[in-house]
Amino acid sequence: MKMKKTRKDLIKKVQDAYEVGGFKYYLEKNTWEVLSYPDDENVVFSDIDLYEDVLSKLQANVESYVEIPLPSSSEVFIVMEDFTDTIHNLFQQDMLMRAINGPKPYKQFRFALEDTGLLKDWHQFRDKAYQKIADRWVDEFLERYEQKVS
Protein backbone atom coordinates (compact mmCIF):
# COMPACT_ATOMS: atom_id res chain seq x y z
CA MET A 1 0.00 0.00 0.00
CA LYS A 2 1.41 3.36 -1.05
CA MET A 3 1.47 6.05 1.62
CA LYS A 4 -0.16 9.33 0.76
CA LYS A 5 2.29 12.23 0.52
CA THR A 6 1.28 15.37 2.36
CA ARG A 7 2.61 18.92 2.32
CA LYS A 8 3.15 18.61 6.08
CA ASP A 9 5.37 15.53 5.55
CA LEU A 10 7.49 17.40 3.03
CA ILE A 11 7.85 20.43 5.30
CA LYS A 12 9.03 18.11 8.08
CA LYS A 13 11.67 16.59 5.79
CA VAL A 14 12.93 20.06 4.87
CA GLN A 15 12.98 21.18 8.51
CA ASP A 16 14.91 18.04 9.44
CA ALA A 17 17.52 19.02 6.85
CA TYR A 18 17.81 22.44 8.53
CA GLU A 19 18.59 20.81 11.88
CA VAL A 20 22.00 19.41 11.01
CA GLY A 21 24.55 21.69 9.43
CA GLY A 22 27.53 20.63 7.39
CA PHE A 23 25.60 18.56 4.86
CA LYS A 24 23.99 18.98 1.48
CA TYR A 25 20.49 17.57 1.19
CA TYR A 26 18.77 16.34 -1.95
CA LEU A 27 15.10 15.51 -2.37
CA GLU A 28 13.94 12.93 -4.90
CA LYS A 29 11.21 14.71 -6.84
CA ASN A 30 8.71 11.85 -6.94
CA THR A 31 9.30 9.71 -3.84
CA TRP A 32 10.54 12.55 -1.60
CA GLU A 33 13.43 10.40 -0.41
CA VAL A 34 16.11 12.64 1.14
CA LEU A 35 19.78 11.91 0.53
CA SER A 36 22.60 13.75 2.26
CA TYR A 37 26.36 13.92 2.28
CA PRO A 38 28.94 16.29 3.82
CA ASP A 39 29.23 19.68 2.18
CA ASP A 40 32.52 20.88 0.71
CA GLU A 41 33.69 22.42 3.99
CA ASN A 42 33.05 19.26 6.03
CA VAL A 43 34.03 16.55 3.60
CA VAL A 44 37.54 16.56 5.09
CA PHE A 45 36.16 15.64 8.50
CA SER A 46 33.97 12.82 7.21
CA ASP A 47 34.72 9.34 5.99
CA ILE A 48 33.67 9.99 2.41
CA ASP A 49 33.61 6.25 1.71
CA LEU A 50 30.48 6.06 3.89
CA TYR A 51 28.73 8.33 1.38
CA GLU A 52 29.92 6.61 -1.80
CA ASP A 53 26.53 4.96 -2.39
CA VAL A 54 24.70 8.26 -1.90
CA LEU A 55 26.98 10.08 -4.32
CA SER A 56 26.66 7.28 -6.90
CA LYS A 57 22.87 7.33 -6.61
CA LEU A 58 22.78 11.12 -7.03
CA GLN A 59 25.16 11.09 -9.99
CA ALA A 60 23.24 8.29 -11.73
CA ASN A 61 19.90 10.07 -11.27
CA VAL A 62 20.89 13.74 -11.22
CA GLU A 63 17.66 14.85 -12.94
CA SER A 64 15.51 13.10 -10.31
CA TYR A 65 16.84 15.13 -7.37
CA VAL A 66 16.63 18.73 -6.31
CA GLU A 67 18.89 20.28 -3.67
CA ILE A 68 17.14 21.44 -0.51
CA PRO A 69 18.62 24.87 0.10
CA LEU A 70 19.54 25.56 3.70
CA PRO A 71 18.66 28.96 5.15
CA SER A 72 21.19 31.51 3.92
CA SER A 73 23.41 33.37 6.34
CA SER A 74 21.40 36.53 5.68
CA GLU A 75 18.15 34.69 6.49
CA VAL A 76 19.66 33.35 9.71
CA PHE A 77 20.92 36.84 10.60
CA ILE A 78 17.43 38.29 10.11
CA VAL A 79 15.98 35.57 12.35
CA MET A 80 18.59 36.47 14.99
CA GLU A 81 17.63 40.15 14.76
CA ASP A 82 13.92 39.35 14.91
CA PHE A 83 14.46 37.21 18.00
CA THR A 84 16.46 39.96 19.67
CA ASP A 85 13.60 42.39 19.03
CA THR A 86 11.24 40.14 21.00
CA ILE A 87 13.36 40.29 24.18
CA HIS A 88 11.94 42.74 26.71
CA ASN A 89 14.70 42.47 29.29
CA LEU A 90 17.00 45.33 28.27
CA PHE A 91 20.14 43.68 29.70
CA GLN A 92 19.52 40.48 27.71
CA GLN A 93 18.57 42.40 24.60
CA ASP A 94 21.73 44.53 24.85
CA MET A 95 23.92 41.40 25.14
CA LEU A 96 22.30 39.91 22.04
CA MET A 97 22.60 43.18 20.10
CA ARG A 98 26.29 43.49 20.96
CA ALA A 99 26.83 39.92 19.78
CA ILE A 100 25.03 40.52 16.49
CA ASN A 101 26.82 43.79 15.79
CA GLY A 102 30.30 42.62 16.74
CA PRO A 103 32.86 40.39 15.09
CA LYS A 104 31.87 36.76 14.50
CA PRO A 105 28.18 37.50 15.15
CA TYR A 106 26.89 33.90 14.84
CA LYS A 107 29.36 32.51 17.35
CA GLN A 108 28.96 35.47 19.72
CA PHE A 109 25.17 35.27 19.47
CA ARG A 110 25.34 31.65 20.59
CA PHE A 111 27.51 32.60 23.57
CA ALA A 112 25.15 35.47 24.46
CA LEU A 113 22.16 33.10 24.32
CA GLU A 114 23.89 30.77 26.77
CA ASP A 115 24.94 33.65 29.05
CA THR A 116 21.42 35.10 29.15
CA GLY A 117 19.64 31.78 29.58
CA LEU A 118 17.71 32.34 26.35
CA LEU A 119 18.95 29.33 24.41
CA LYS A 120 15.71 27.35 24.76
CA ASP A 121 13.64 30.40 23.75
CA TRP A 122 15.93 30.91 20.76
CA HIS A 123 15.50 27.33 19.60
CA GLN A 124 11.71 27.65 19.73
CA PHE A 125 11.78 30.97 17.88
CA ARG A 126 14.29 29.72 15.31
CA ASP A 127 12.28 26.54 14.69
CA LYS A 128 9.15 28.60 13.93
CA ALA A 129 11.12 30.88 11.63
CA TYR A 130 12.68 27.89 9.85
CA GLN A 131 9.23 26.40 9.41
CA LYS A 132 8.18 29.54 7.53
CA ILE A 133 11.28 29.28 5.34
CA ALA A 134 10.55 25.59 4.73
CA ASP A 135 6.90 26.43 3.93
CA ARG A 136 7.99 28.86 1.22
CA TRP A 137 10.44 26.41 -0.30
CA VAL A 138 7.92 23.56 -0.27
CA ASP A 139 5.31 25.73 -1.98
CA GLU A 140 7.84 26.65 -4.69
CA PHE A 141 8.88 23.02 -5.07
CA LEU A 142 5.30 21.75 -5.35
CA GLU A 143 4.45 24.39 -7.93
CA ARG A 144 7.66 23.97 -9.95
CA TYR A 145 7.36 20.18 -10.18
CA GLU A 146 3.56 20.15 -10.35
CA GLN A 147 3.23 17.91 -7.34
CA LYS A 148 -0.27 17.17 -6.06
CA VAL A 149 -0.54 16.69 -2.30
CA SER A 150 -3.07 16.95 0.45
C-alpha atoms as a PDB file:
ATOM      1  CA  MET A   1       0.000   0.000   0.000  1.00  0.00           C
ATOM      2  CA  LYS A   2       1.409   3.355  -1.051  1.00  0.00           C
ATOM      3  CA  MET A   3       1.474   6.048   1.621  1.00  0.00           C
ATOM      4  CA  LYS A   4      -0.161   9.331   0.762  1.00  0.00           C
ATOM      5  CA  LYS A   5       2.288  12.230   0.525  1.00  0.00           C
ATOM      6  CA  THR A   6       1.275  15.374   2.357  1.00  0.00           C
ATOM      7  CA  ARG A   7       2.614  18.918   2.320  1.00  0.00           C
ATOM      8  CA  LYS A   8       3.152  18.610   6.076  1.00  0.00           C
ATOM      9  CA  ASP A   9       5.369  15.528   5.548  1.00  0.00           C
ATOM     10  CA  LEU A  10       7.490  17.396   3.033  1.00  0.00           C
ATOM     11  CA  ILE A  11       7.846  20.431   5.298  1.00  0.00           C
ATOM     12  CA  LYS A  12       9.025  18.111   8.083  1.00  0.00           C
ATOM     13  CA  LYS A  13      11.666  16.591   5.791  1.00  0.00           C
ATOM     14  CA  VAL A  14      12.934  20.057   4.869  1.00  0.00           C
ATOM     15  CA  GLN A  15      12.976  21.183   8.505  1.00  0.00           C
ATOM     16  CA  ASP A  16      14.909  18.037   9.440  1.00  0.00           C
ATOM     17  CA  ALA A  17      17.516  19.023   6.851  1.00  0.00           C
ATOM     18  CA  TYR A  18      17.807  22.435   8.526  1.00  0.00           C
ATOM     19  CA  GLU A  19      18.593  20.813  11.881  1.00  0.00           C
ATOM     20  CA  VAL A  20      22.003  19.409  11.012  1.00  0.00           C
ATOM     21  CA  GLY A  21      24.552  21.693   9.431  1.00  0.00           C
ATOM     22  CA  GLY A  22      27.531  20.633   7.390  1.00  0.00           C
ATOM     23  CA  PHE A  23      25.598  18.557   4.865  1.00  0.00           C
ATOM     24  CA  LYS A  24      23.992  18.980   1.481  1.00  0.00           C
ATOM     25  CA  TYR A  25      20.494  17.568   1.186  1.00  0.00           C
ATOM     26  CA  TYR A  26      18.772  16.345  -1.948  1.00  0.00           C
ATOM     27  CA  LEU A  27      15.101  15.513  -2.370  1.00  0.00           C
ATOM     28  CA  GLU A  28      13.943  12.930  -4.904  1.00  0.00           C
ATOM     29  CA  LYS A  29      11.212  14.709  -6.845  1.00  0.00           C
ATOM     30  CA  ASN A  30       8.706  11.851  -6.936  1.00  0.00           C
ATOM     31  CA  THR A  31       9.298   9.715  -3.836  1.00  0.00           C
ATOM     32  CA  TRP A  32      10.538  12.555  -1.596  1.00  0.00           C
ATOM     33  CA  GLU A  33      13.429  10.403  -0.412  1.00  0.00           C
ATOM     34  CA  VAL A  34      16.109  12.638   1.138  1.00  0.00           C
ATOM     35  CA  LEU A  35      19.781  11.911   0.525  1.00  0.00           C
ATOM     36  CA  SER A  36      22.599  13.746   2.257  1.00  0.00           C
ATOM     37  CA  TYR A  37      26.358  13.918   2.276  1.00  0.00           C
ATOM     38  CA  PRO A  38      28.937  16.286   3.818  1.00  0.00           C
ATOM     39  CA  ASP A  39      29.228  19.684   2.184  1.00  0.00           C
ATOM     40  CA  ASP A  40      32.518  20.884   0.713  1.00  0.00           C
ATOM     41  CA  GLU A  41      33.691  22.419   3.994  1.00  0.00           C
ATOM     42  CA  ASN A  42      33.050  19.260   6.028  1.00  0.00           C
ATOM     43  CA  VAL A  43      34.033  16.545   3.596  1.00  0.00           C
ATOM     44  CA  VAL A  44      37.540  16.564   5.089  1.00  0.00           C
ATOM     45  CA  PHE A  45      36.161  15.640   8.501  1.00  0.00           C
ATOM     46  CA  SER A  46      33.973  12.815   7.207  1.00  0.00           C
ATOM     47  CA  ASP A  47      34.718   9.343   5.992  1.00  0.00           C
ATOM     48  CA  ILE A  48      33.669   9.994   2.415  1.00  0.00           C
ATOM     49  CA  ASP A  49      33.608   6.253   1.712  1.00  0.00           C
ATOM     50  CA  LEU A  50      30.481   6.063   3.887  1.00  0.00           C
ATOM     51  CA  TYR A  51      28.730   8.325   1.381  1.00  0.00           C
ATOM     52  CA  GLU A  52      29.920   6.611  -1.796  1.00  0.00           C
ATOM     53  CA  ASP A  53      26.526   4.956  -2.389  1.00  0.00           C
ATOM     54  CA  VAL A  54      24.705   8.257  -1.898  1.00  0.00           C
ATOM     55  CA  LEU A  55      26.984  10.077  -4.324  1.00  0.00           C
ATOM     56  CA  SER A  56      26.659   7.276  -6.903  1.00  0.00           C
ATOM     57  CA  LYS A  57      22.872   7.331  -6.609  1.00  0.00           C
ATOM     58  CA  LEU A  58      22.780  11.118  -7.032  1.00  0.00           C
ATOM     59  CA  GLN A  59      25.155  11.092  -9.994  1.00  0.00           C
ATOM     60  CA  ALA A  60      23.241   8.291 -11.734  1.00  0.00           C
ATOM     61  CA  ASN A  61      19.901  10.072 -11.268  1.00  0.00           C
ATOM     62  CA  VAL A  62      20.885  13.745 -11.224  1.00  0.00           C
ATOM     63  CA  GLU A  63      17.657  14.853 -12.939  1.00  0.00           C
ATOM     64  CA  SER A  64      15.514  13.104 -10.308  1.00  0.00           C
ATOM     65  CA  TYR A  65      16.835  15.127  -7.371  1.00  0.00           C
ATOM     66  CA  VAL A  66      16.635  18.732  -6.306  1.00  0.00           C
ATOM     67  CA  GLU A  67      18.887  20.281  -3.673  1.00  0.00           C
ATOM     68  CA  ILE A  68      17.143  21.435  -0.508  1.00  0.00           C
ATOM     69  CA  PRO A  69      18.618  24.875   0.101  1.00  0.00           C
ATOM     70  CA  LEU A  70      19.538  25.565   3.696  1.00  0.00           C
ATOM     71  CA  PRO A  71      18.664  28.959   5.150  1.00  0.00           C
ATOM     72  CA  SER A  72      21.195  31.505   3.917  1.00  0.00           C
ATOM     73  CA  SER A  73      23.411  33.368   6.341  1.00  0.00           C
ATOM     74  CA  SER A  74      21.404  36.532   5.681  1.00  0.00           C
ATOM     75  CA  GLU A  75      18.149  34.692   6.488  1.00  0.00           C
ATOM     76  CA  VAL A  76      19.664  33.354   9.707  1.00  0.00           C
ATOM     77  CA  PHE A  77      20.918  36.836  10.598  1.00  0.00           C
ATOM     78  CA  ILE A  78      17.426  38.290  10.108  1.00  0.00           C
ATOM     79  CA  VAL A  79      15.985  35.574  12.355  1.00  0.00           C
ATOM     80  CA  MET A  80      18.588  36.468  14.989  1.00  0.00           C
ATOM     81  CA  GLU A  81      17.629  40.151  14.757  1.00  0.00           C
ATOM     82  CA  ASP A  82      13.916  39.345  14.914  1.00  0.00           C
ATOM     83  CA  PHE A  83      14.458  37.205  18.004  1.00  0.00           C
ATOM     84  CA  THR A  84      16.465  39.961  19.672  1.00  0.00           C
ATOM     85  CA  ASP A  85      13.602  42.393  19.029  1.00  0.00           C
ATOM     86  CA  THR A  86      11.242  40.137  21.005  1.00  0.00           C
ATOM     87  CA  ILE A  87      13.362  40.295  24.177  1.00  0.00           C
ATOM     88  CA  HIS A  88      11.938  42.738  26.705  1.00  0.00           C
ATOM     89  CA  ASN A  89      14.705  42.468  29.287  1.00  0.00           C
ATOM     90  CA  LEU A  90      17.004  45.330  28.270  1.00  0.00           C
ATOM     91  CA  PHE A  91      20.141  43.677  29.696  1.00  0.00           C
ATOM     92  CA  GLN A  92      19.515  40.482  27.715  1.00  0.00           C
ATOM     93  CA  GLN A  93      18.571  42.396  24.601  1.00  0.00           C
ATOM     94  CA  ASP A  94      21.728  44.528  24.851  1.00  0.00           C
ATOM     95  CA  MET A  95      23.920  41.401  25.135  1.00  0.00           C
ATOM     96  CA  LEU A  96      22.304  39.913  22.040  1.00  0.00           C
ATOM     97  CA  MET A  97      22.600  43.180  20.100  1.00  0.00           C
ATOM     98  CA  ARG A  98      26.291  43.487  20.961  1.00  0.00           C
ATOM     99  CA  ALA A  99      26.831  39.925  19.783  1.00  0.00           C
ATOM    100  CA  ILE A 100      25.031  40.522  16.485  1.00  0.00           C
ATOM    101  CA  ASN A 101      26.822  43.787  15.791  1.00  0.00           C
ATOM    102  CA  GLY A 102      30.300  42.615  16.741  1.00  0.00           C
ATOM    103  CA  PRO A 103      32.863  40.390  15.086  1.00  0.00           C
ATOM    104  CA  LYS A 104      31.866  36.762  14.499  1.00  0.00           C
ATOM    105  CA  PRO A 105      28.176  37.497  15.151  1.00  0.00           C
ATOM    106  CA  TYR A 106      26.891  33.903  14.843  1.00  0.00           C
ATOM    107  CA  LYS A 107      29.357  32.515  17.351  1.00  0.00           C
ATOM    108  CA  GLN A 108      28.963  35.465  19.715  1.00  0.00           C
ATOM    109  CA  PHE A 109      25.172  35.268  19.472  1.00  0.00           C
ATOM    110  CA  ARG A 110      25.338  31.648  20.590  1.00  0.00           C
ATOM    111  CA  PHE A 111      27.505  32.601  23.574  1.00  0.00           C
ATOM    112  CA  ALA A 112      25.147  35.472  24.460  1.00  0.00           C
ATOM    113  CA  LEU A 113      22.158  33.096  24.320  1.00  0.00           C
ATOM    114  CA  GLU A 114      23.889  30.773  26.767  1.00  0.00           C
ATOM    115  CA  ASP A 115      24.942  33.649  29.048  1.00  0.00           C
ATOM    116  CA  THR A 116      21.418  35.103  29.155  1.00  0.00           C
ATOM    117  CA  GLY A 117      19.642  31.779  29.577  1.00  0.00           C
ATOM    118  CA  LEU A 118      17.705  32.341  26.346  1.00  0.00           C
ATOM    119  CA  LEU A 119      18.951  29.331  24.407  1.00  0.00           C
ATOM    120  CA  LYS A 120      15.706  27.350  24.763  1.00  0.00           C
ATOM    121  CA  ASP A 121      13.641  30.402  23.753  1.00  0.00           C
ATOM    122  CA  TRP A 122      15.930  30.914  20.756  1.00  0.00           C
ATOM    123  CA  HIS A 123      15.499  27.327  19.597  1.00  0.00           C
ATOM    124  CA  GLN A 124      11.712  27.648  19.733  1.00  0.00           C
ATOM    125  CA  PHE A 125      11.778  30.966  17.879  1.00  0.00           C
ATOM    126  CA  ARG A 126      14.286  29.717  15.306  1.00  0.00           C
ATOM    127  CA  ASP A 127      12.277  26.538  14.686  1.00  0.00           C
ATOM    128  CA  LYS A 128       9.146  28.597  13.934  1.00  0.00           C
ATOM    129  CA  ALA A 129      11.115  30.875  11.625  1.00  0.00           C
ATOM    130  CA  TYR A 130      12.682  27.893   9.847  1.00  0.00           C
ATOM    131  CA  GLN A 131       9.229  26.397   9.407  1.00  0.00           C
ATOM    132  CA  LYS A 132       8.182  29.537   7.527  1.00  0.00           C
ATOM    133  CA  ILE A 133      11.284  29.283   5.338  1.00  0.00           C
ATOM    134  CA  ALA A 134      10.549  25.593   4.727  1.00  0.00           C
ATOM    135  CA  ASP A 135       6.901  26.431   3.934  1.00  0.00           C
ATOM    136  CA  ARG A 136       7.987  28.859   1.221  1.00  0.00           C
ATOM    137  CA  TRP A 137      10.445  26.414  -0.303  1.00  0.00           C
ATOM    138  CA  VAL A 138       7.924  23.559  -0.266  1.00  0.00           C
ATOM    139  CA  ASP A 139       5.310  25.733  -1.980  1.00  0.00           C
ATOM    140  CA  GLU A 140       7.836  26.653  -4.687  1.00  0.00           C
ATOM    141  CA  PHE A 141       8.882  23.015  -5.071  1.00  0.00           C
ATOM    142  CA  LEU A 142       5.296  21.750  -5.351  1.00  0.00           C
ATOM    143  CA  GLU A 143       4.452  24.390  -7.935  1.00  0.00           C
ATOM    144  CA  ARG A 144       7.664  23.970  -9.955  1.00  0.00           C
ATOM    145  CA  TYR A 145       7.357  20.183 -10.183  1.00  0.00           C
ATOM    146  CA  GLU A 146       3.560  20.155 -10.349  1.00  0.00           C
ATOM    147  CA  GLN A 147       3.232  17.906  -7.335  1.00  0.00           C
ATOM    148  CA  LYS A 148      -0.267  17.167  -6.059  1.00  0.00           C
ATOM    149  CA  VAL A 149      -0.537  16.687  -2.300  1.00  0.00           C
ATOM    150  CA  SER A 150      -3.066  16.954   0.447  1.00  0.00           C
END
